[in-house]
Amino acid sequence: MTKKEKAIQFLKLAGTGKVNEAFDNFIADDFIHHNQYFEGSRSTLLKAMEDAHAEDPNESIETKNCYLENDTVITHTLVKKKEMDIAVVHIFKFNSNGKVTELWDLGQVVEKDSPNQYGLF
């Protein structure tokens, strides 16, 4: 499986509530993340993703764009929730064993009445 495929599969699994499976298969033990709302450890993000799924599960997740350079994969994803759609950019850094060691995520709500005719994708 390529790094791009691993990143996309991680998002599909984690985004549909299979958080433990996603972390077991794709996330390194020494993983750190840069989400400003949580402490930066592997265990903290895993729990936050489980809690988010329990409280407000995604209806779907679709990666629209995916880019690879060296050990870094960037995804541009549409996350559909009950009350809103969100455009999310994830930046994955992989180690030499093919596991994700570092992650950044940036999200933006998709406004229904945006004046931009091109949209977020």
PDB file of N, CA and C in Angstrom:
ATOM      1  N   MET A   1       0.858  -1.174   0.000  1.00  0.00           N
ATOM      2  CA  MET A   1       0.000   0.000   0.000  1.00  0.00           C
ATOM      3  C   MET A   1       0.907   1.242   0.000  1.00  0.00           C
ATOM      4  N   THR A   2       0.609   2.200  -0.858  1.00  0.00           N
ATOM      5  CA  THR A   2       1.406   3.425  -0.928  1.00  0.00           C
ATOM      6  C   THR A   2       1.093   4.338   0.255  1.00  0.00           C
ATOM      7  N   LYS A   3       1.939   5.334   0.466  1.00  0.00           N
ATOM      8  CA  LYS A   3       1.686   6.304   1.528  1.00  0.00           C
ATOM      9  C   LYS A   3       0.365   7.035   1.290  1.00  0.00           C
ATOM     10  N   LYS A   4       0.090   7.370   0.042  1.00  0.00           N
ATOM     11  CA  LYS A   4      -1.184   8.041  -0.266  1.00  0.00           C
ATOM     12  C   LYS A   4      -2.357   7.133   0.096  1.00  0.00           C
ATOM     13  N   GLU A   5      -2.267   5.871  -0.279  1.00  0.00           N
ATOM     14  CA  GLU A   5      -3.347   4.918   0.037  1.00  0.00           C
ATOM     15  C   GLU A   5      -3.496   4.752   1.542  1.00  0.00           C
ATOM     16  N   LYS A   6      -2.385   4.727   2.267  1.00  0.00           N
ATOM     17  CA  LYS A   6      -2.445   4.600   3.729  1.00  0.00           C
ATOM     18  C   LYS A   6      -3.131   5.805   4.358  1.00  0.00           C
ATOM     19  N   ALA A   7      -2.789   7.005   3.900  1.00  0.00           N
ATOM     20  CA  ALA A   7      -3.411   8.209   4.448  1.00  0.00           C
ATOM     21  C   ALA A   7      -4.919   8.202   4.204  1.00  0.00           C
ATOM     22  N   ILE A   8      -5.314   7.875   2.990  1.00  0.00           N
ATOM     23  CA  ILE A   8      -6.741   7.848   2.644  1.00  0.00           C
ATOM     24  C   ILE A   8      -7.471   6.772   3.436  1.00  0.00           C
ATOM     25  N   GLN A   9      -6.871   5.606   3.561  1.00  0.00           N
ATOM     26  CA  GLN A   9      -7.500   4.515   4.310  1.00  0.00           C
ATOM     27  C   GLN A   9      -7.607   4.869   5.794  1.00  0.00           C
ATOM     28  N   PHE A  10      -6.578   5.517   6.343  1.00  0.00           N
ATOM     29  CA  PHE A  10      -6.650   5.968   7.733  1.00  0.00           C
ATOM     30  C   PHE A  10      -7.859   6.885   7.930  1.00  0.00           C
ATOM     31  N   LEU A  11      -8.011   7.859   7.029  1.00  0.00           N
ATOM     32  CA  LEU A  11      -9.140   8.796   7.146  1.00  0.00           C
ATOM     33  C   LEU A  11     -10.476   8.085   7.025  1.00  0.00           C
ATOM     34  N   LYS A  12     -10.583   7.133   6.100  1.00  0.00           N
ATOM     35  CA  LYS A  12     -11.839   6.389   5.940  1.00  0.00           C
ATOM     36  C   LYS A  12     -12.185   5.619   7.204  1.00  0.00           C
ATOM     37  N   LEU A  13     -11.203   4.913   7.753  1.00  0.00           N
ATOM     38  CA  LEU A  13     -11.458   4.125   8.958  1.00  0.00           C
ATOM     39  C   LEU A  13     -11.774   5.017  10.150  1.00  0.00           C
ATOM     40  N   ALA A  14     -10.898   5.968  10.431  1.00  0.00           N
ATOM     41  CA  ALA A  14     -11.095   6.842  11.594  1.00  0.00           C
ATOM     42  C   ALA A  14     -12.363   7.669  11.437  1.00  0.00           C
ATOM     43  N   GLY A  15     -12.639   8.118  10.203  1.00  0.00           N
ATOM     44  CA  GLY A  15     -13.803   8.959   9.950  1.00  0.00           C
ATOM     45  C   GLY A  15     -15.130   8.235   9.997  1.00  0.00           C
ATOM     46  N   THR A  16     -15.094   6.899  10.003  1.00  0.00           N
ATOM     47  CA  THR A  16     -16.335   6.122  10.095  1.00  0.00           C
ATOM     48  C   THR A  16     -16.422   5.343  11.416  1.00  0.00           C
ATOM     49  N   GLY A  17     -15.622   5.773  12.397  1.00  0.00           N
ATOM     50  CA  GLY A  17     -15.728   5.191  13.734  1.00  0.00           C
ATOM     51  C   GLY A  17     -14.823   4.016  14.019  1.00  0.00           C
ATOM     52  N   LYS A  18     -14.032   3.599  13.052  1.00  0.00           N
ATOM     53  CA  LYS A  18     -13.107   2.477  13.258  1.00  0.00           C
ATOM     54  C   LYS A  18     -11.735   3.035  13.664  1.00  0.00           C
ATOM     55  N   VAL A  19     -11.761   3.818  14.734  1.00  0.00           N
ATOM     56  CA  VAL A  19     -10.598   4.588  15.156  1.00  0.00           C
ATOM     57  C   VAL A  19      -9.458   3.670  15.618  1.00  0.00           C
ATOM     58  N   ASN A  20      -9.763   2.683  16.443  1.00  0.00           N
ATOM     59  CA  ASN A  20      -8.709   1.772  16.914  1.00  0.00           C
ATOM     60  C   ASN A  20      -8.055   1.033  15.754  1.00  0.00           C
ATOM     61  N   GLU A  21      -8.848   0.560  14.810  1.00  0.00           N
ATOM     62  CA  GLU A  21      -8.302  -0.126  13.642  1.00  0.00           C
ATOM     63  C   GLU A  21      -7.404   0.807  12.835  1.00  0.00           C
ATOM     64  N   ALA A  22      -7.838   2.044  12.664  1.00  0.00           N
ATOM     65  CA  ALA A  22      -7.050   3.035  11.927  1.00  0.00           C
ATOM     66  C   ALA A  22      -5.710   3.275  12.613  1.00  0.00           C
ATOM     67  N   PHE A  23      -5.733   3.461  13.913  1.00  0.00           N
ATOM     68  CA  PHE A  23      -4.498   3.716  14.653  1.00  0.00           C
ATOM     69  C   PHE A  23      -3.608   2.483  14.669  1.00  0.00           C
ATOM     70  N   ASP A  24      -4.184   1.300  14.884  1.00  0.00           N
ATOM     71  CA  ASP A  24      -3.386   0.073  14.906  1.00  0.00           C
ATOM     72  C   ASP A  24      -2.668  -0.163  13.586  1.00  0.00           C
ATOM     73  N   ASN A  25      -3.324   0.121  12.483  1.00  0.00           N
ATOM     74  CA  ASN A  25      -2.756  -0.167  11.173  1.00  0.00           C
ATOM     75  C   ASN A  25      -1.812   0.903  10.642  1.00  0.00           C
ATOM     76  N   PHE A  26      -2.025   2.163  11.000  1.00  0.00           N
ATOM     77  CA  PHE A  26      -1.322   3.232  10.295  1.00  0.00           C
ATOM     78  C   PHE A  26      -0.547   4.221  11.159  1.00  0.00           C
ATOM     79  N   ILE A  27      -0.730   4.205  12.467  1.00  0.00           N
ATOM     80  CA  ILE A  27      -0.122   5.221  13.321  1.00  0.00           C
ATOM     81  C   ILE A  27       1.017   4.627  14.151  1.00  0.00           C
ATOM     82  N   ALA A  28       2.180   5.291  14.116  1.00  0.00           N
ATOM     83  CA  ALA A  28       3.360   4.845  14.854  1.00  0.00           C
ATOM     84  C   ALA A  28       3.156   5.017  16.359  1.00  0.00           C
ATOM     85  N   ASP A  29       3.870   4.215  17.126  1.00  0.00           N
ATOM     86  CA  ASP A  29       3.772   4.302  18.583  1.00  0.00           C
ATOM     87  C   ASP A  29       4.242   5.654  19.106  1.00  0.00           C
ATOM     88  N   ASP A  30       5.230   6.260  18.445  1.00  0.00           N
ATOM     89  CA  ASP A  30       5.775   7.544  18.896  1.00  0.00           C
ATOM     90  C   ASP A  30       5.118   8.737  18.200  1.00  0.00           C
ATOM     91  N   PHE A  31       3.925   8.525  17.664  1.00  0.00           N
ATOM     92  CA  PHE A  31       3.145   9.534  16.939  1.00  0.00           C
ATOM     93  C   PHE A  31       2.882  10.774  17.791  1.00  0.00           C
ATOM     94  N   ILE A  32       2.940  11.941  17.129  1.00  0.00           N
ATOM     95  CA  ILE A  32       2.489  13.199  17.733  1.00  0.00           C
ATOM     96  C   ILE A  32       1.575  13.907  16.737  1.00  0.00           C
ATOM     97  N   HIS A  33       0.732  14.812  17.250  1.00  0.00           N
ATOM     98  CA  HIS A  33      -0.152  15.568  16.367  1.00  0.00           C
ATOM     99  C   HIS A  33      -0.163  17.024  16.796  1.00  0.00           C
ATOM    100  N   HIS A  34      -0.688  17.871  15.901  1.00  0.00           N
ATOM    101  CA  HIS A  34      -0.631  19.310  16.109  1.00  0.00           C
ATOM    102  C   HIS A  34      -2.019  19.947  16.175  1.00  0.00           C
ATOM    103  N   ASN A  35      -3.040  19.188  16.573  1.00  0.00           N
ATOM    104  CA  ASN A  35      -4.372  19.752  16.747  1.00  0.00           C
ATOM    105  C   ASN A  35      -4.348  20.631  17.998  1.00  0.00           C
ATOM    106  N   GLN A  36      -4.676  21.903  17.844  1.00  0.00           N
ATOM    107  CA  GLN A  36      -4.533  22.859  18.947  1.00  0.00           C
ATOM    108  C   GLN A  36      -5.506  22.631  20.103  1.00  0.00           C
ATOM    109  N   TYR A  37      -6.492  21.785  19.925  1.00  0.00           N
ATOM    110  CA  TYR A  37      -7.507  21.597  20.960  1.00  0.00           C
ATOM    111  C   TYR A  37      -7.223  20.438  21.913  1.00  0.00           C
ATOM    112  N   PHE A  38      -6.150  19.675  21.654  1.00  0.00           N
ATOM    113  CA  PHE A  38      -5.850  18.490  22.462  1.00  0.00           C
ATOM    114  C   PHE A  38      -4.358  18.416  22.764  1.00  0.00           C
ATOM    115  N   GLU A  39      -4.028  17.759  23.857  1.00  0.00           N
ATOM    116  CA  GLU A  39      -2.643  17.427  24.163  1.00  0.00           C
ATOM    117  C   GLU A  39      -2.109  16.600  22.988  1.00  0.00           C
ATOM    118  N   GLY A  40      -0.844  16.688  22.667  1.00  0.00           N
ATOM    119  CA  GLY A  40      -0.308  16.172  21.405  1.00  0.00           C
ATOM    120  C   GLY A  40       0.053  14.707  21.308  1.00  0.00           C
ATOM    121  N   SER A  41      -0.424  13.856  22.208  1.00  0.00           N
ATOM    122  CA  SER A  41      -0.036  12.446  22.187  1.00  0.00           C
ATOM    123  C   SER A  41      -0.957  11.579  21.323  1.00  0.00           C
ATOM    124  N   ARG A  42      -0.457  10.416  20.996  1.00  0.00           N
ATOM    125  CA  ARG A  42      -1.207   9.407  20.238  1.00  0.00           C
ATOM    126  C   ARG A  42      -2.505   9.057  20.955  1.00  0.00           C
ATOM    127  N   SER A  43      -2.392   8.731  22.254  1.00  0.00           N
ATOM    128  CA  SER A  43      -3.562   8.268  23.017  1.00  0.00           C
ATOM    129  C   SER A  43      -4.627   9.354  23.139  1.00  0.00           C
ATOM    130  N   THR A  44      -4.211  10.599  23.255  1.00  0.00           N
ATOM    131  CA  THR A  44      -5.172  11.695  23.382  1.00  0.00           C
ATOM    132  C   THR A  44      -5.969  11.887  22.101  1.00  0.00           C
ATOM    133  N   LEU A  45      -5.284  11.859  20.949  1.00  0.00           N
ATOM    134  CA  LEU A  45      -6.014  12.025  19.690  1.00  0.00           C
ATOM    135  C   LEU A  45      -6.921  10.829  19.415  1.00  0.00           C
ATOM    136  N   LEU A  46      -6.460   9.633  19.720  1.00  0.00           N
ATOM    137  CA  LEU A  46      -7.287   8.435  19.526  1.00  0.00           C
ATOM    138  C   LEU A  46      -8.590   8.579  20.319  1.00  0.00           C
ATOM    139  N   LYS A  47      -8.471   8.954  21.600  1.00  0.00           N
ATOM    140  CA  LYS A  47      -9.674   9.117  22.436  1.00  0.00           C
ATOM    141  C   LYS A  47     -10.562  10.243  21.909  1.00  0.00           C
ATOM    142  N   ALA A  48      -9.969  11.346  21.493  1.00  0.00           N
ATOM    143  CA  ALA A  48     -10.756  12.472  20.971  1.00  0.00           C
ATOM    144  C   ALA A  48     -11.528  12.053  19.722  1.00  0.00           C
ATOM    145  N   MET A  49     -10.908  11.259  18.858  1.00  0.00           N
ATOM    146  CA  MET A  49     -11.588  10.805  17.645  1.00  0.00           C
ATOM    147  C   MET A  49     -12.709   9.821  17.985  1.00  0.00           C
ATOM    148  N   GLU A  50     -12.482   8.959  18.959  1.00  0.00           N
ATOM    149  CA  GLU A  50     -13.547   8.046  19.399  1.00  0.00           C
ATOM    150  C   GLU A  50     -14.715   8.834  19.984  1.00  0.00           C
ATOM    151  N   ASP A  51     -14.405   9.806  20.835  1.00  0.00           N
ATOM    152  CA  ASP A  51     -15.451  10.631  21.456  1.00  0.00           C
ATOM    153  C   ASP A  51     -16.233  11.415  20.403  1.00  0.00           C
ATOM    154  N   ALA A  52     -15.532  11.983  19.428  1.00  0.00           N
ATOM    155  CA  ALA A  52     -16.194  12.753  18.371  1.00  0.00           C
ATOM    156  C   ALA A  52     -17.149  11.874  17.572  1.00  0.00           C
ATOM    157  N   HIS A  53     -16.726  10.654  17.284  1.00  0.00           N
ATOM    158  CA  HIS A  53     -17.595   9.749  16.537  1.00  0.00           C
ATOM    159  C   HIS A  53     -18.839   9.382  17.358  1.00  0.00           C
ATOM    160  N   ALA A  54     -18.657   9.160  18.647  1.00  0.00           N
ATOM    161  CA  ALA A  54     -19.795   8.805  19.510  1.00  0.00           C
ATOM    162  C   ALA A  54     -20.788   9.970  19.636  1.00  0.00           C
ATOM    163  N   GLU A  55     -20.291  11.186  19.707  1.00  0.00           N
ATOM    164  CA  GLU A  55     -21.138  12.356  19.914  1.00  0.00           C
ATOM    165  C   GLU A  55     -21.787  12.875  18.628  1.00  0.00           C
ATOM    166  N   ASP A  56     -21.036  12.858  17.522  1.00  0.00           N
ATOM    167  CA  ASP A  56     -21.525  13.450  16.277  1.00  0.00           C
ATOM    168  C   ASP A  56     -20.858  12.734  15.092  1.00  0.00           C
ATOM    169  N   PRO A  57     -21.308  11.532  14.772  1.00  0.00           N
ATOM    170  CA  PRO A  57     -20.617  10.748  13.735  1.00  0.00           C
ATOM    171  C   PRO A  57     -20.704  11.399  12.350  1.00  0.00           C
ATOM    172  N   ASN A  58     -19.669  11.161  11.568  1.00  0.00           N
ATOM    173  CA  ASN A  58     -19.675  11.615  10.179  1.00  0.00           C
ATOM    174  C   ASN A  58     -20.663  10.780   9.386  1.00  0.00           C
ATOM    175  N   GLU A  59     -21.327  11.394   8.420  1.00  0.00           N
ATOM    176  CA  GLU A  59     -22.192  10.653   7.499  1.00  0.00           C
ATOM    177  C   GLU A  59     -21.363  10.060   6.363  1.00  0.00           C
ATOM    178  N   SER A  60     -20.311  10.786   5.956  1.00  0.00           N
ATOM    179  CA  SER A  60     -19.394  10.261   4.935  1.00  0.00           C
ATOM    180  C   SER A  60     -18.107  11.066   4.964  1.00  0.00           C
ATOM    181  N   ILE A  61     -17.090  10.492   4.348  1.00  0.00           N
ATOM    182  CA  ILE A  61     -15.801  11.156   4.203  1.00  0.00           C
ATOM    183  C   ILE A  61     -15.251  10.795   2.839  1.00  0.00           C
ATOM    184  N   GLU A  62     -14.879  11.816   2.059  1.00  0.00           N
ATOM    185  CA  GLU A  62     -14.405  11.585   0.695  1.00  0.00           C
ATOM    186  C   GLU A  62     -13.159  12.431   0.437  1.00  0.00           C
ATOM    187  N   THR A  63     -12.055  11.773   0.157  1.00  0.00           N
ATOM    188  CA  THR A  63     -10.835  12.491  -0.181  1.00  0.00           C
ATOM    189  C   THR A  63     -10.923  12.935  -1.629  1.00  0.00           C
ATOM    190  N   LYS A  64     -10.868  14.241  -1.826  1.00  0.00           N
ATOM    191  CA  LYS A  64     -11.000  14.834  -3.163  1.00  0.00           C
ATOM    192  C   LYS A  64      -9.650  14.984  -3.855  1.00  0.00           C
ATOM    193  N   ASN A  65      -8.602  15.290  -3.077  1.00  0.00           N
ATOM    194  CA  ASN A  65      -7.261  15.482  -3.612  1.00  0.00           C
ATOM    195  C   ASN A  65      -6.256  14.861  -2.655  1.00  0.00           C
ATOM    196  N   CYS A  66      -5.154  14.362  -3.200  1.00  0.00           N
ATOM    197  CA  CYS A  66      -4.115  13.765  -2.371  1.00  0.00           C
ATOM    198  C   CYS A  66      -2.770  13.989  -3.045  1.00  0.00           C
ATOM    199  N   TYR A  67      -1.807  14.476  -2.267  1.00  0.00           N
ATOM    200  CA  TYR A  67      -0.499  14.823  -2.805  1.00  0.00           C
ATOM    201  C   TYR A  67       0.596  14.165  -1.972  1.00  0.00           C
ATOM    202  N   LEU A  68       1.667  13.765  -2.646  1.00  0.00           N
ATOM    203  CA  LEU A  68       2.798  13.105  -1.990  1.00  0.00           C
ATOM    204  C   LEU A  68       4.086  13.812  -2.354  1.00  0.00           C
ATOM    205  N   GLU A  69       4.901  14.074  -1.348  1.00  0.00           N
ATOM    206  CA  GLU A  69       6.267  14.520  -1.575  1.00  0.00           C
ATOM    207  C   GLU A  69       7.144  13.912  -0.488  1.00  0.00           C
ATOM    208  N   ASN A  70       8.086  13.073  -0.909  1.00  0.00           N
ATOM    209  CA  ASN A  70       9.000  12.387   0.004  1.00  0.00           C
ATOM    210  C   ASN A  70       8.224  11.626   1.079  1.00  0.00           C
ATOM    211  N   ASP A  71       8.345  12.033   2.343  1.00  0.00           N
ATOM    212  CA  ASP A  71       7.675  11.319   3.437  1.00  0.00           C
ATOM    213  C   ASP A  71       6.386  11.999   3.883  1.00  0.00           C
ATOM    214  N   THR A  72       5.885  12.934   3.070  1.00  0.00           N
ATOM    215  CA  THR A  72       4.707  13.712   3.457  1.00  0.00           C
ATOM    216  C   THR A  72       3.566  13.519   2.459  1.00  0.00           C
ATOM    217  N   VAL A  73       2.371  13.280   3.008  1.00  0.00           N
ATOM    218  CA  VAL A  73       1.143  13.186   2.208  1.00  0.00           C
ATOM    219  C   VAL A  73       0.185  14.265   2.702  1.00  0.00           C
ATOM    220  N   ILE A  74      -0.424  14.960   1.747  1.00  0.00           N
ATOM    221  CA  ILE A  74      -1.433  15.976   2.069  1.00  0.00           C
ATOM    222  C   ILE A  74      -2.744  15.554   1.414  1.00  0.00           C
ATOM    223  N   THR A  75      -3.800  15.510   2.214  1.00  0.00           N
ATOM    224  CA  THR A  75      -5.129  15.176   1.695  1.00  0.00           C
ATOM    225  C   THR A  75      -6.055  16.377   1.838  1.00  0.00           C
ATOM    226  N   HIS A  76      -6.998  16.486   0.899  1.00  0.00           N
ATOM    227  CA  HIS A  76      -8.038  17.522   0.906  1.00  0.00           C
ATOM    228  C   HIS A  76      -9.353  16.756   0.855  1.00  0.00           C
ATOM    229  N   THR A  77     -10.097  16.787   1.932  1.00  0.00           N
ATOM    230  CA  THR A  77     -11.202  15.864   2.143  1.00  0.00           C
ATOM    231  C   THR A  77     -12.505  16.589   2.452  1.00  0.00           C
ATOM    232  N   LEU A  78     -13.605  16.038   1.945  1.00  0.00           N
ATOM    233  CA  LEU A  78     -14.938  16.521   2.282  1.00  0.00           C
ATOM    234  C   LEU A  78     -15.523  15.599   3.343  1.00  0.00           C
ATOM    235  N   VAL A  79     -15.829  16.178   4.500  1.00  0.00           N
ATOM    236  CA  VAL A  79     -16.460  15.442   5.599  1.00  0.00           C
ATOM    237  C   VAL A  79     -17.899  15.925   5.707  1.00  0.00           C
ATOM    238  N   LYS A  80     -18.838  14.993   5.549  1.00  0.00           N
ATOM    239  CA  LYS A  80     -20.258  15.333   5.667  1.00  0.00           C
ATOM    240  C   LYS A  80     -20.745  14.898   7.041  1.00  0.00           C
ATOM    241  N   LYS A  81     -21.338  15.868   7.749  1.00  0.00           N
ATOM    242  CA  LYS A  81     -21.933  15.604   9.047  1.00  0.00           C
ATOM    243  C   LYS A  81     -23.428  15.898   8.947  1.00  0.00           C
ATOM    244  N   LYS A  82     -24.164  15.590   9.981  1.00  0.00           N
ATOM    245  CA  LYS A  82     -25.612  15.818   9.970  1.00  0.00           C
ATOM    246  C   LYS A  82     -25.942  17.289   9.761  1.00  0.00           C
ATOM    247  N   GLU A  83     -25.230  18.172  10.443  1.00  0.00           N
ATOM    248  CA  GLU A  83     -25.561  19.594  10.430  1.00  0.00           C
ATOM    249  C   GLU A  83     -24.722  20.437   9.474  1.00  0.00           C
ATOM    250  N   MET A  84     -23.615  19.872   8.936  1.00  0.00           N
ATOM    251  CA  MET A  84     -22.733  20.679   8.106  1.00  0.00           C
ATOM    252  C   MET A  84     -21.774  19.809   7.308  1.00  0.00           C
ATOM    253  N   ASP A  85     -21.178  20.423   6.304  1.00  0.00           N
ATOM    254  CA  ASP A  85     -20.079  19.809   5.568  1.00  0.00           C
ATOM    255  C   ASP A  85     -18.818  20.579   5.934  1.00  0.00           C
ATOM    256  N   ILE A  86     -17.682  19.866   5.962  1.00  0.00           N
ATOM    257  CA  ILE A  86     -16.416  20.477   6.346  1.00  0.00           C
ATOM    258  C   ILE A  86     -15.354  20.084   5.331  1.00  0.00           C
ATOM    259  N   ALA A  87     -14.579  21.058   4.872  1.00  0.00           N
ATOM    260  CA  ALA A  87     -13.403  20.802   4.047  1.00  0.00           C
ATOM    261  C   ALA A  87     -12.220  20.685   5.009  1.00  0.00           C
ATOM    262  N   VAL A  88     -11.481  19.576   4.910  1.00  0.00           N
ATOM    263  CA  VAL A  88     -10.379  19.342   5.843  1.00  0.00           C
ATOM    264  C   VAL A  88      -9.108  19.028   5.062  1.00  0.00           C
ATOM    265  N   VAL A  89      -8.021  19.665   5.480  1.00  0.00           N
ATOM    266  CA  VAL A  89      -6.691  19.350   4.963  1.00  0.00           C
ATOM    267  C   VAL A  89      -5.942  18.632   6.074  1.00  0.00           C
ATOM    268  N   HIS A  90      -5.420  17.451   5.768  1.00  0.00           N
ATOM    269  CA  HIS A  90      -4.567  16.705   6.691  1.00  0.00           C
ATOM    270  C   HIS A  90      -3.176  16.635   6.086  1.00  0.00           C
ATOM    271  N   ILE A  91      -2.185  16.794   6.923  1.00  0.00           N
ATOM    272  CA  ILE A  91      -0.794  16.638   6.516  1.00  0.00           C
ATOM    273  C   ILE A  91      -0.218  15.492   7.343  1.00  0.00           C
ATOM    274  N   PHE A  92       0.180  14.420   6.659  1.00  0.00           N
ATOM    275  CA  PHE A  92       0.711  13.220   7.290  1.00  0.00           C
ATOM    276  C   PHE A  92       2.216  13.134   7.051  1.00  0.00           C
ATOM    277  N   LYS A  93       2.988  12.911   8.094  1.00  0.00           N
ATOM    278  CA  LYS A  93       4.419  12.641   7.939  1.00  0.00           C
ATOM    279  C   LYS A  93       4.650  11.178   8.295  1.00  0.00           C
ATOM    280  N   PHE A  94       5.280  10.432   7.375  1.00  0.00           N
ATOM    281  CA  PHE A  94       5.523   9.001   7.547  1.00  0.00           C
ATOM    282  C   PHE A  94       6.961   8.729   7.969  1.00  0.00           C
ATOM    283  N   ASN A  95       7.160   7.659   8.750  1.00  0.00           N
ATOM    284  CA  ASN A  95       8.513   7.222   9.093  1.00  0.00           C
ATOM    285  C   ASN A  95       9.009   6.195   8.077  1.00  0.00           C
ATOM    286  N   SER A  96      10.209   5.691   8.275  1.00  0.00           N
ATOM    287  CA  SER A  96      10.804   4.741   7.334  1.00  0.00           C
ATOM    288  C   SER A  96      10.105   3.383   7.348  1.00  0.00           C
ATOM    289  N   ASN A  97       9.291   3.110   8.372  1.00  0.00           N
ATOM    290  CA  ASN A  97       8.518   1.863   8.448  1.00  0.00           C
ATOM    291  C   ASN A  97       7.132   1.994   7.823  1.00  0.00           C
ATOM    292  N   GLY A  98       6.833   3.157   7.243  1.00  0.00           N
ATOM    293  CA  GLY A  98       5.544   3.354   6.588  1.00  0.00           C
ATOM    294  C   GLY A  98       4.403   3.693   7.519  1.00  0.00           C
ATOM    295  N   LYS A  99       4.719   4.119   8.738  1.00  0.00           N
ATOM    296  CA  LYS A  99       3.687   4.521   9.705  1.00  0.00           C
ATOM    297  C   LYS A  99       3.674   6.040   9.832  1.00  0.00           C
ATOM    298  N   VAL A 100       2.513   6.586  10.187  1.00  0.00           N
ATOM    299  CA  VAL A 100       2.382   8.015  10.382  1.00  0.00           C
ATOM    300  C   VAL A 100       2.998   8.384  11.730  1.00  0.00           C
ATOM    301  N   THR A 101       3.943   9.332  11.704  1.00  0.00           N
ATOM    302  CA  THR A 101       4.593   9.774  12.937  1.00  0.00           C
ATOM    303  C   THR A 101       4.133  11.161  13.380  1.00  0.00           C
ATOM    304  N   GLU A 102       3.549  11.904  12.440  1.00  0.00           N
ATOM    305  CA  GLU A 102       3.136  13.265  12.765  1.00  0.00           C
ATOM    306  C   GLU A 102       1.932  13.639  11.899  1.00  0.00           C
ATOM    307  N   LEU A 103       1.013  14.432  12.472  1.00  0.00           N
ATOM    308  CA  LEU A 103      -0.210  14.784  11.759  1.00  0.00           C
ATOM    309  C   LEU A 103      -0.644  16.206  12.101  1.00  0.00           C
ATOM    310  N   TRP A 104      -1.042  16.930  11.065  1.00  0.00           N
ATOM    311  CA  TRP A 104      -1.646  18.249  11.198  1.00  0.00           C
ATOM    312  C   TRP A 104      -3.017  18.183  10.542  1.00  0.00           C
ATOM    313  N   ASP A 105      -3.994  18.929  11.061  1.00  0.00           N
ATOM    314  CA  ASP A 105      -5.306  18.989  10.417  1.00  0.00           C
ATOM    315  C   ASP A 105      -5.873  20.399  10.522  1.00  0.00           C
ATOM    316  N   LEU A 106      -6.461  20.836   9.411  1.00  0.00           N
ATOM    317  CA  LEU A 106      -7.055  22.165   9.315  1.00  0.00           C
ATOM    318  C   LEU A 106      -8.418  22.022   8.664  1.00  0.00           C
ATOM    319  N   GLY A 107      -9.457  22.580   9.285  1.00  0.00           N
ATOM    320  CA  GLY A 107     -10.801  22.412   8.754  1.00  0.00           C
ATOM    321  C   GLY A 107     -11.522  23.731   8.549  1.00  0.00           C
ATOM    322  N   GLN A 108     -12.459  23.703   7.605  1.00  0.00           N
ATOM    323  CA  GLN A 108     -13.264  24.881   7.298  1.00  0.00           C
ATOM    324  C   GLN A 108     -14.675  24.427   6.945  1.00  0.00           C
ATOM    325  N   VAL A 109     -15.666  25.014   7.593  1.00  0.00           N
ATOM    326  CA  VAL A 109     -17.058  24.689   7.285  1.00  0.00           C
ATOM    327  C   VAL A 109     -17.365  25.144   5.855  1.00  0.00           C
ATOM    328  N   VAL A 110     -18.067  24.308   5.114  1.00  0.00           N
ATOM    329  CA  VAL A 110     -18.490  24.636   3.752  1.00  0.00           C
ATOM    330  C   VAL A 110     -19.766  25.452   3.858  1.00  0.00           C
ATOM    331  N   GLU A 111     -19.676  26.720   3.525  1.00  0.00           N
ATOM    332  CA  GLU A 111     -20.838  27.610   3.607  1.00  0.00           C
ATOM    333  C   GLU A 111     -21.781  27.342   2.437  1.00  0.00           C
ATOM    334  N   LYS A 112     -23.054  27.170   2.721  1.00  0.00           N
ATOM    335  CA  LYS A 112     -24.041  26.882   1.688  1.00  0.00           C
ATOM    336  C   LYS A 112     -24.274  28.069   0.752  1.00  0.00           C
ATOM    337  N   ASP A 113     -24.126  29.268   1.276  1.00  0.00           N
ATOM    338  CA  ASP A 113     -24.395  30.468   0.469  1.00  0.00           C
ATOM    339  C   ASP A 113     -23.122  31.231   0.137  1.00  0.00           C
ATOM    340  N   SER A 114     -22.043  30.539  -0.088  1.00  0.00           N
ATOM    341  CA  SER A 114     -20.775  31.205  -0.419  1.00  0.00           C
ATOM    342  C   SER A 114     -20.893  31.939  -1.756  1.00  0.00           C
ATOM    343  N   PRO A 115     -20.325  33.130  -1.853  1.00  0.00           N
ATOM    344  CA  PRO A 115     -20.337  33.848  -3.129  1.00  0.00           C
ATOM    345  C   PRO A 115     -19.307  33.293  -4.124  1.00  0.00           C
ATOM    346  N   ASN A 116     -18.455  32.389  -3.684  1.00  0.00           N
ATOM    347  CA  ASN A 116     -17.424  31.833  -4.555  1.00  0.00           C
ATOM    348  C   ASN A 116     -18.018  30.717  -5.405  1.00  0.00           C
ATOM    349  N   GLN A 117     -18.117  30.931  -6.699  1.00  0.00           N
ATOM    350  CA  GLN A 117     -18.745  29.953  -7.590  1.00  0.00           C
ATOM    351  C   GLN A 117     -17.923  28.679  -7.765  1.00  0.00           C
ATOM    352  N   TYR A 118     -16.645  28.686  -7.341  1.00  0.00           N
ATOM    353  CA  TYR A 118     -15.778  27.511  -7.517  1.00  0.00           C
ATOM    354  C   TYR A 118     -15.811  26.584  -6.306  1.00  0.00           C
ATOM    355  N   GLY A 119     -16.295  27.042  -5.183  1.00  0.00           N
ATOM    356  CA  GLY A 119     -16.400  26.221  -3.990  1.00  0.00           C
ATOM    357  C   GLY A 119     -15.059  25.890  -3.387  1.00  0.00           C
ATOM    358  N   LEU A 120     -15.054  24.998  -2.429  1.00  0.00           N
ATOM    359  CA  LEU A 120     -13.828  24.622  -1.716  1.00  0.00           C
ATOM    360  C   LEU A 120     -13.106  23.458  -2.372  1.00  0.00           C
ATOM    361  N   PHE A 121     -13.702  22.871  -3.382  1.00  0.00           N
ATOM    362  CA  PHE A 121     -13.049  21.751  -4.078  1.00  0.00           C
ATOM    363  C   PHE A 121     -13.031  22.061  -5.545  1.00  0.00           C
TER     364      PHE A 121
END
